[in-house]
PDB file of all heavy atoms in Angstrom:
ATOM      1  N   GLY A   1     -58.912  42.020  15.229  1.00  0.00           N
ATOM      2  CA  GLY A   1     -58.458  41.916  13.845  1.00  0.00           C
ATOM      3  C   GLY A   1     -56.937  41.790  13.757  1.00  0.00           C
ATOM      4  O   GLY A   1     -56.219  42.064  14.693  1.00  0.00           O
ATOM      5  N   LEU A   2     -56.499  41.389  12.559  1.00  0.00           N
ATOM      6  CA  LEU A   2     -55.072  41.210  12.294  1.00  0.00           C
ATOM      7  C   LEU A   2     -54.604  42.313  11.347  1.00  0.00           C
ATOM      8  O   LEU A   2     -55.265  42.603  10.333  1.00  0.00           O
ATOM      9  CB  LEU A   2     -54.798  39.856  11.650  1.00  0.00           C
ATOM     10  CG  LEU A   2     -55.389  38.608  12.359  1.00  0.00           C
ATOM     11  CD1 LEU A   2     -54.910  37.330  11.661  1.00  0.00           C
ATOM     12  CD2 LEU A   2     -54.999  38.582  13.819  1.00  0.00           C
ATOM     13  N   ARG A   3     -53.493  42.921  11.664  1.00  0.00           N
ATOM     14  CA  ARG A   3     -53.003  44.042  10.877  1.00  0.00           C
ATOM     15  C   ARG A   3     -52.331  43.560   9.586  1.00  0.00           C
ATOM     16  O   ARG A   3     -51.363  42.772   9.600  1.00  0.00           O
ATOM     17  CB  ARG A   3     -51.994  44.868  11.699  1.00  0.00           C
ATOM     18  CG  ARG A   3     -51.485  46.087  10.942  1.00  0.00           C
ATOM     19  CD  ARG A   3     -50.732  47.020  11.867  1.00  0.00           C
ATOM     20  NE  ARG A   3     -50.211  48.176  11.126  1.00  0.00           N
ATOM     21  CZ  ARG A   3     -49.843  49.313  11.670  1.00  0.00           C
ATOM     22  NH1 ARG A   3     -49.942  49.480  13.008  1.00  0.00           N
ATOM     23  NH2 ARG A   3     -49.394  50.315  10.957  1.00  0.00           N
ATOM     24  N   LEU A   4     -52.859  44.015   8.467  1.00  0.00           N
ATOM     25  CA  LEU A   4     -52.243  43.669   7.165  1.00  0.00           C
ATOM     26  C   LEU A   4     -50.849  44.244   7.071  1.00  0.00           C
ATOM     27  O   LEU A   4     -50.606  45.383   7.458  1.00  0.00           O
ATOM     28  CB  LEU A   4     -53.081  44.227   6.008  1.00  0.00           C
ATOM     29  CG  LEU A   4     -54.345  43.489   5.587  1.00  0.00           C
ATOM     30  CD1 LEU A   4     -55.036  44.260   4.463  1.00  0.00           C
ATOM     31  CD2 LEU A   4     -54.034  42.074   5.104  1.00  0.00           C
ATOM     32  N   ILE A   5     -49.933  43.442   6.525  1.00  0.00           N
ATOM     33  CA  ILE A   5     -48.573  43.918   6.269  1.00  0.00           C
ATOM     34  C   ILE A   5     -48.578  44.515   4.864  1.00  0.00           C
ATOM     35  O   ILE A   5     -48.617  43.786   3.873  1.00  0.00           O
ATOM     36  CB  ILE A   5     -47.558  42.770   6.406  1.00  0.00           C
ATOM     37  CG1 ILE A   5     -47.777  42.031   7.714  1.00  0.00           C
ATOM     38  CG2 ILE A   5     -46.141  43.327   6.312  1.00  0.00           C
ATOM     39  CD1 ILE A   5     -46.929  40.780   7.859  1.00  0.00           C
ATOM     40  N   VAL A   6     -48.568  45.832   4.786  1.00  0.00           N
ATOM     41  CA  VAL A   6     -48.809  46.496   3.491  1.00  0.00           C
ATOM     42  C   VAL A   6     -47.550  46.931   2.784  1.00  0.00           C
ATOM     43  O   VAL A   6     -47.612  47.438   1.651  1.00  0.00           O
ATOM     44  CB  VAL A   6     -49.743  47.717   3.704  1.00  0.00           C
ATOM     45  CG1 VAL A   6     -51.109  47.286   4.188  1.00  0.00           C
ATOM     46  CG2 VAL A   6     -49.112  48.727   4.676  1.00  0.00           C
ATOM     47  N   ASP A   7     -46.386  46.713   3.418  1.00  0.00           N
ATOM     48  CA  ASP A   7     -45.131  47.189   2.812  1.00  0.00           C
ATOM     49  C   ASP A   7     -44.106  46.068   2.639  1.00  0.00           C
ATOM     50  O   ASP A   7     -42.928  46.283   2.844  1.00  0.00           O
ATOM     51  CB  ASP A   7     -44.539  48.320   3.687  1.00  0.00           C
ATOM     52  CG  ASP A   7     -44.264  47.870   5.122  1.00  0.00           C
ATOM     53  OD1 ASP A   7     -44.633  46.729   5.473  1.00  0.00           O
ATOM     54  OD2 ASP A   7     -43.640  48.650   5.891  1.00  0.00           O
ATOM     55  N   ASN A   8     -44.572  44.879   2.292  1.00  0.00           N
ATOM     56  CA  ASN A   8     -43.690  43.727   2.347  1.00  0.00           C
ATOM     57  C   ASN A   8     -43.845  42.831   1.108  1.00  0.00           C
ATOM     58  O   ASN A   8     -43.873  41.601   1.199  1.00  0.00           O
ATOM     59  CB  ASN A   8     -43.984  42.904   3.612  1.00  0.00           C
ATOM     60  CG  ASN A   8     -42.820  41.996   3.972  1.00  0.00           C
ATOM     61  OD1 ASN A   8     -41.662  42.262   3.693  1.00  0.00           O
ATOM     62  ND2 ASN A   8     -43.151  40.876   4.605  1.00  0.00           N
ATOM     63  N   GLY A   9     -44.026  43.443  -0.074  1.00  0.00           N
ATOM     64  CA  GLY A   9     -43.998  42.665  -1.308  1.00  0.00           C
ATOM     65  C   GLY A   9     -45.306  42.015  -1.685  1.00  0.00           C
ATOM     66  O   GLY A   9     -45.324  41.129  -2.539  1.00  0.00           O
ATOM     67  N   ILE A  10     -46.418  42.433  -1.089  1.00  0.00           N
ATOM     68  CA  ILE A  10     -47.733  41.884  -1.429  1.00  0.00           C
ATOM     69  C   ILE A  10     -48.723  43.020  -1.605  1.00  0.00           C
ATOM     70  O   ILE A  10     -48.830  43.913  -0.752  1.00  0.00           O
ATOM     71  CB  ILE A  10     -48.254  40.941  -0.343  1.00  0.00           C
ATOM     72  CG1 ILE A  10     -47.288  39.745  -0.141  1.00  0.00           C
ATOM     73  CG2 ILE A  10     -49.646  40.419  -0.677  1.00  0.00           C
ATOM     74  CD1 ILE A  10     -47.662  38.842   1.016  1.00  0.00           C
ATOM     75  N   PHE A  11     -49.436  43.006  -2.739  1.00  0.00           N
ATOM     76  CA  PHE A  11     -50.502  43.982  -3.011  1.00  0.00           C
ATOM     77  C   PHE A  11     -51.841  43.228  -2.863  1.00  0.00           C
ATOM     78  O   PHE A  11     -52.060  42.172  -3.464  1.00  0.00           O
ATOM     79  CB  PHE A  11     -50.373  44.534  -4.413  1.00  0.00           C
ATOM     80  CG  PHE A  11     -51.474  45.479  -4.807  1.00  0.00           C
ATOM     81  CD1 PHE A  11     -51.502  46.760  -4.287  1.00  0.00           C
ATOM     82  CD2 PHE A  11     -52.475  45.106  -5.706  1.00  0.00           C
ATOM     83  CE1 PHE A  11     -52.516  47.650  -4.623  1.00  0.00           C
ATOM     84  CE2 PHE A  11     -53.469  45.982  -6.046  1.00  0.00           C
ATOM     85  CZ  PHE A  11     -53.505  47.270  -5.515  1.00  0.00           C
ATOM     86  N   TYR A  12     -52.735  43.815  -2.081  1.00  0.00           N
ATOM     87  CA  TYR A  12     -53.992  43.150  -1.750  1.00  0.00           C
ATOM     88  C   TYR A  12     -55.150  43.732  -2.537  1.00  0.00           C
ATOM     89  O   TYR A  12     -55.258  44.961  -2.664  1.00  0.00           O
ATOM     90  CB  TYR A  12     -54.310  43.320  -0.252  1.00  0.00           C
ATOM     91  CG  TYR A  12     -53.218  42.818   0.661  1.00  0.00           C
ATOM     92  CD1 TYR A  12     -52.275  43.689   1.187  1.00  0.00           C
ATOM     93  CD2 TYR A  12     -53.099  41.453   0.980  1.00  0.00           C
ATOM     94  CE1 TYR A  12     -51.250  43.247   2.019  1.00  0.00           C
ATOM     95  CE2 TYR A  12     -52.093  40.990   1.823  1.00  0.00           C
ATOM     96  CZ  TYR A  12     -51.165  41.911   2.328  1.00  0.00           C
ATOM     97  OH  TYR A  12     -50.168  41.455   3.149  1.00  0.00           O
ATOM     98  N   GLU A  13     -56.009  42.857  -3.004  1.00  0.00           N
ATOM     99  CA  GLU A  13     -57.285  43.294  -3.589  1.00  0.00           C
ATOM    100  C   GLU A  13     -58.408  42.566  -2.845  1.00  0.00           C
ATOM    101  O   GLU A  13     -58.206  41.482  -2.283  1.00  0.00           O
ATOM    102  CB  GLU A  13     -57.353  42.981  -5.075  1.00  0.00           C
ATOM    103  CG  GLU A  13     -56.402  43.818  -5.922  1.00  0.00           C
ATOM    104  CD  GLU A  13     -56.571  43.504  -7.389  1.00  0.00           C
ATOM    105  OE1 GLU A  13     -57.591  43.937  -7.980  1.00  0.00           O
ATOM    106  OE2 GLU A  13     -55.680  42.813  -7.948  1.00  0.00           O
ATOM    107  N   PHE A  14     -59.595  43.167  -2.912  1.00  0.00           N
ATOM    108  CA  PHE A  14     -60.760  42.649  -2.213  1.00  0.00           C
ATOM    109  C   PHE A  14     -61.883  42.547  -3.232  1.00  0.00           C
ATOM    110  O   PHE A  14     -62.323  43.556  -3.781  1.00  0.00           O
ATOM    111  CB  PHE A  14     -61.143  43.587  -1.041  1.00  0.00           C
ATOM    112  CG  PHE A  14     -59.972  43.834  -0.112  1.00  0.00           C
ATOM    113  CD1 PHE A  14     -59.117  44.918  -0.328  1.00  0.00           C
ATOM    114  CD2 PHE A  14     -59.721  42.989   0.951  1.00  0.00           C
ATOM    115  CE1 PHE A  14     -58.031  45.145   0.508  1.00  0.00           C
ATOM    116  CE2 PHE A  14     -58.654  43.192   1.780  1.00  0.00           C
ATOM    117  CZ  PHE A  14     -57.783  44.289   1.579  1.00  0.00           C
ATOM    118  N   VAL A  15     -62.352  41.317  -3.478  1.00  0.00           N
ATOM    119  CA  VAL A  15     -63.291  41.060  -4.559  1.00  0.00           C
ATOM    120  C   VAL A  15     -64.614  40.566  -3.964  1.00  0.00           C
ATOM    121  O   VAL A  15     -64.635  39.711  -3.076  1.00  0.00           O
ATOM    122  CB  VAL A  15     -62.738  40.008  -5.534  1.00  0.00           C
ATOM    123  CG1 VAL A  15     -63.745  39.699  -6.643  1.00  0.00           C
ATOM    124  CG2 VAL A  15     -61.429  40.531  -6.146  1.00  0.00           C
ATOM    125  N   VAL A  16     -65.698  41.100  -4.459  1.00  0.00           N
ATOM    126  CA  VAL A  16     -67.027  40.668  -4.019  1.00  0.00           C
ATOM    127  C   VAL A  16     -67.151  39.170  -4.400  1.00  0.00           C
ATOM    128  O   VAL A  16     -67.028  38.829  -5.568  1.00  0.00           O
ATOM    129  CB  VAL A  16     -68.132  41.495  -4.686  1.00  0.00           C
ATOM    130  CG1 VAL A  16     -69.522  40.945  -4.325  1.00  0.00           C
ATOM    131  CG2 VAL A  16     -67.994  42.943  -4.277  1.00  0.00           C
ATOM    132  N   PRO A  17     -67.377  38.270  -3.420  1.00  0.00           N
ATOM    133  CA  PRO A  17     -67.271  36.841  -3.677  1.00  0.00           C
ATOM    134  C   PRO A  17     -68.237  36.361  -4.790  1.00  0.00           C
ATOM    135  O   PRO A  17     -67.868  35.487  -5.574  1.00  0.00           O
ATOM    136  CB  PRO A  17     -67.641  36.210  -2.340  1.00  0.00           C
ATOM    137  CG  PRO A  17     -67.386  37.241  -1.319  1.00  0.00           C
ATOM    138  CD  PRO A  17     -67.626  38.560  -2.001  1.00  0.00           C
ATOM    139  N   GLU A  18     -69.458  36.924  -4.800  1.00  0.00           N
ATOM    140  CA  GLU A  18     -70.433  36.475  -5.763  1.00  0.00           C
ATOM    141  C   GLU A  18     -70.020  36.755  -7.194  1.00  0.00           C
ATOM    142  O   GLU A  18     -70.585  36.190  -8.146  1.00  0.00           O
ATOM    143  CB  GLU A  18     -71.794  37.147  -5.491  1.00  0.00           C
ATOM    144  CG  GLU A  18     -72.450  36.742  -4.177  1.00  0.00           C
ATOM    145  CD  GLU A  18     -71.830  37.414  -2.963  1.00  0.00           C
ATOM    146  OE1 GLU A  18     -71.072  38.383  -3.140  1.00  0.00           O
ATOM    147  OE2 GLU A  18     -72.116  36.966  -1.832  1.00  0.00           O
ATOM    148  N   THR A  19     -69.035  37.654  -7.384  1.00  0.00           N
ATOM    149  CA  THR A  19     -68.617  38.031  -8.756  1.00  0.00           C
ATOM    150  C   THR A  19     -67.373  37.249  -9.187  1.00  0.00           C
ATOM    151  O   THR A  19     -66.928  37.423 -10.335  1.00  0.00           O
ATOM    152  CB  THR A  19     -68.356  39.540  -8.855  1.00  0.00           C
ATOM    153  OG1 THR A  19     -67.195  39.879  -8.070  1.00  0.00           O
ATOM    154  CG2 THR A  19     -69.572  40.330  -8.361  1.00  0.00           C
ATOM    155  N   LEU A  20     -66.807  36.428  -8.317  1.00  0.00           N
ATOM    156  CA  LEU A  20     -65.650  35.617  -8.726  1.00  0.00           C
ATOM    157  C   LEU A  20     -66.078  34.683  -9.870  1.00  0.00           C
ATOM    158  O   LEU A  20     -67.159  34.099  -9.873  1.00  0.00           O
ATOM    159  CB  LEU A  20     -65.145  34.759  -7.551  1.00  0.00           C
ATOM    160  CG  LEU A  20     -64.379  35.481  -6.470  1.00  0.00           C
ATOM    161  CD1 LEU A  20     -64.118  34.522  -5.301  1.00  0.00           C
ATOM    162  CD2 LEU A  20     -63.044  36.022  -6.988  1.00  0.00           C
ATOM    163  N   GLY A  21     -65.165  34.535 -10.821  1.00  0.00           N
ATOM    164  CA  GLY A  21     -65.456  33.657 -11.946  1.00  0.00           C
ATOM    165  C   GLY A  21     -66.290  34.286 -13.058  1.00  0.00           C
ATOM    166  O   GLY A  21     -66.556  33.650 -14.074  1.00  0.00           O
ATOM    167  N   THR A  22     -66.723  35.532 -12.877  1.00  0.00           N
ATOM    168  CA  THR A  22     -67.457  36.232 -13.900  1.00  0.00           C
ATOM    169  C   THR A  22     -66.494  37.008 -14.792  1.00  0.00           C
ATOM    170  O   THR A  22     -65.321  37.153 -14.485  1.00  0.00           O
ATOM    171  CB  THR A  22     -68.499  37.214 -13.288  1.00  0.00           C
ATOM    172  OG1 THR A  22     -67.770  38.269 -12.614  1.00  0.00           O
ATOM    173  CG2 THR A  22     -69.387  36.493 -12.309  1.00  0.00           C
ATOM    174  N   ARG A  23     -67.006  37.571 -15.877  1.00  0.00           N
ATOM    175  CA  ARG A  23     -66.161  38.314 -16.800  1.00  0.00           C
ATOM    176  C   ARG A  23     -65.657  39.629 -16.173  1.00  0.00           C
ATOM    177  O   ARG A  23     -64.581  40.121 -16.553  1.00  0.00           O
ATOM    178  CB  ARG A  23     -66.926  38.634 -18.092  1.00  0.00           C
ATOM    179  CG  ARG A  23     -67.242  37.409 -18.917  1.00  0.00           C
ATOM    180  CD  ARG A  23     -68.132  37.791 -20.117  1.00  0.00           C
ATOM    181  NE  ARG A  23     -67.425  38.682 -21.020  1.00  0.00           N
ATOM    182  CZ  ARG A  23     -66.703  38.284 -22.054  1.00  0.00           C
ATOM    183  NH1 ARG A  23     -66.580  37.007 -22.325  1.00  0.00           N
ATOM    184  NH2 ARG A  23     -66.133  39.163 -22.855  1.00  0.00           N
ATOM    185  N   ALA A  24     -66.409  40.163 -15.221  1.00  0.00           N
ATOM    186  CA  ALA A  24     -66.006  41.436 -14.620  1.00  0.00           C
ATOM    187  C   ALA A  24     -66.210  41.373 -13.111  1.00  0.00           C
ATOM    188  O   ALA A  24     -67.190  41.949 -12.580  1.00  0.00           O
ATOM    189  CB  ALA A  24     -66.804  42.579 -15.230  1.00  0.00           C
ATOM    190  N   PRO A  25     -65.339  40.670 -12.394  1.00  0.00           N
ATOM    191  CA  PRO A  25     -65.476  40.633 -10.937  1.00  0.00           C
ATOM    192  C   PRO A  25     -65.331  42.040 -10.355  1.00  0.00           C
ATOM    193  O   PRO A  25     -64.555  42.853 -10.842  1.00  0.00           O
ATOM    194  CB  PRO A  25     -64.330  39.707 -10.495  1.00  0.00           C
ATOM    195  CG  PRO A  25     -63.360  39.719 -11.632  1.00  0.00           C
ATOM    196  CD  PRO A  25     -64.157  39.927 -12.879  1.00  0.00           C
ATOM    197  N   ARG A  26     -66.097  42.292  -9.296  1.00  0.00           N
ATOM    198  CA  ARG A  26     -66.050  43.612  -8.640  1.00  0.00           C
ATOM    199  C   ARG A  26     -64.846  43.643  -7.699  1.00  0.00           C
ATOM    200  O   ARG A  26     -64.846  43.008  -6.666  1.00  0.00           O
ATOM    201  CB  ARG A  26     -67.351  43.864  -7.915  1.00  0.00           C
ATOM    202  CG  ARG A  26     -68.524  44.112  -8.846  1.00  0.00           C
ATOM    203  CD  ARG A  26     -69.852  44.117  -8.107  1.00  0.00           C
ATOM    204  NE  ARG A  26     -69.842  45.076  -6.993  1.00  0.00           N
ATOM    205  CZ  ARG A  26     -70.791  45.069  -6.049  1.00  0.00           C
ATOM    206  NH1 ARG A  26     -71.773  44.201  -6.080  1.00  0.00           N
ATOM    207  NH2 ARG A  26     -70.720  45.938  -5.061  1.00  0.00           N
ATOM    208  N   ARG A  27     -63.824  44.402  -8.141  1.00  0.00           N
ATOM    209  CA  ARG A  27     -62.548  44.462  -7.458  1.00  0.00           C
ATOM    210  C   ARG A  27     -62.330  45.782  -6.759  1.00  0.00           C
ATOM    211  O   ARG A  27     -62.600  46.859  -7.327  1.00  0.00           O
ATOM    212  CB  ARG A  27     -61.398  44.224  -8.450  1.00  0.00           C
ATOM    213  CG  ARG A  27     -61.443  42.893  -9.152  1.00  0.00           C
ATOM    214  CD  ARG A  27     -60.584  42.820 -10.372  1.00  0.00           C
ATOM    215  NE  ARG A  27     -59.150  42.823 -10.098  1.00  0.00           N
ATOM    216  CZ  ARG A  27     -58.222  42.644 -11.024  1.00  0.00           C
ATOM    217  NH1 ARG A  27     -58.586  42.471 -12.309  1.00  0.00           N
ATOM    218  NH2 ARG A  27     -56.955  42.663 -10.708  1.00  0.00           N
ATOM    219  N   ALA A  28     -61.852  45.709  -5.526  1.00  0.00           N
ATOM    220  CA  ALA A  28     -61.464  46.921  -4.800  1.00  0.00           C
ATOM    221  C   ALA A  28     -60.036  46.681  -4.281  1.00  0.00           C
ATOM    222  O   ALA A  28     -59.541  45.561  -4.273  1.00  0.00           O
ATOM    223  CB  ALA A  28     -62.422  47.163  -3.658  1.00  0.00           C
TER     224      ALA A  28
END
């Protein structure tokens, strides 16, 4: 795996793909 750079001006979210484009995508 590749180590996420978590302290460099980017905030990451992880969304369940099937919920993209819906009114309430499942975001983590």
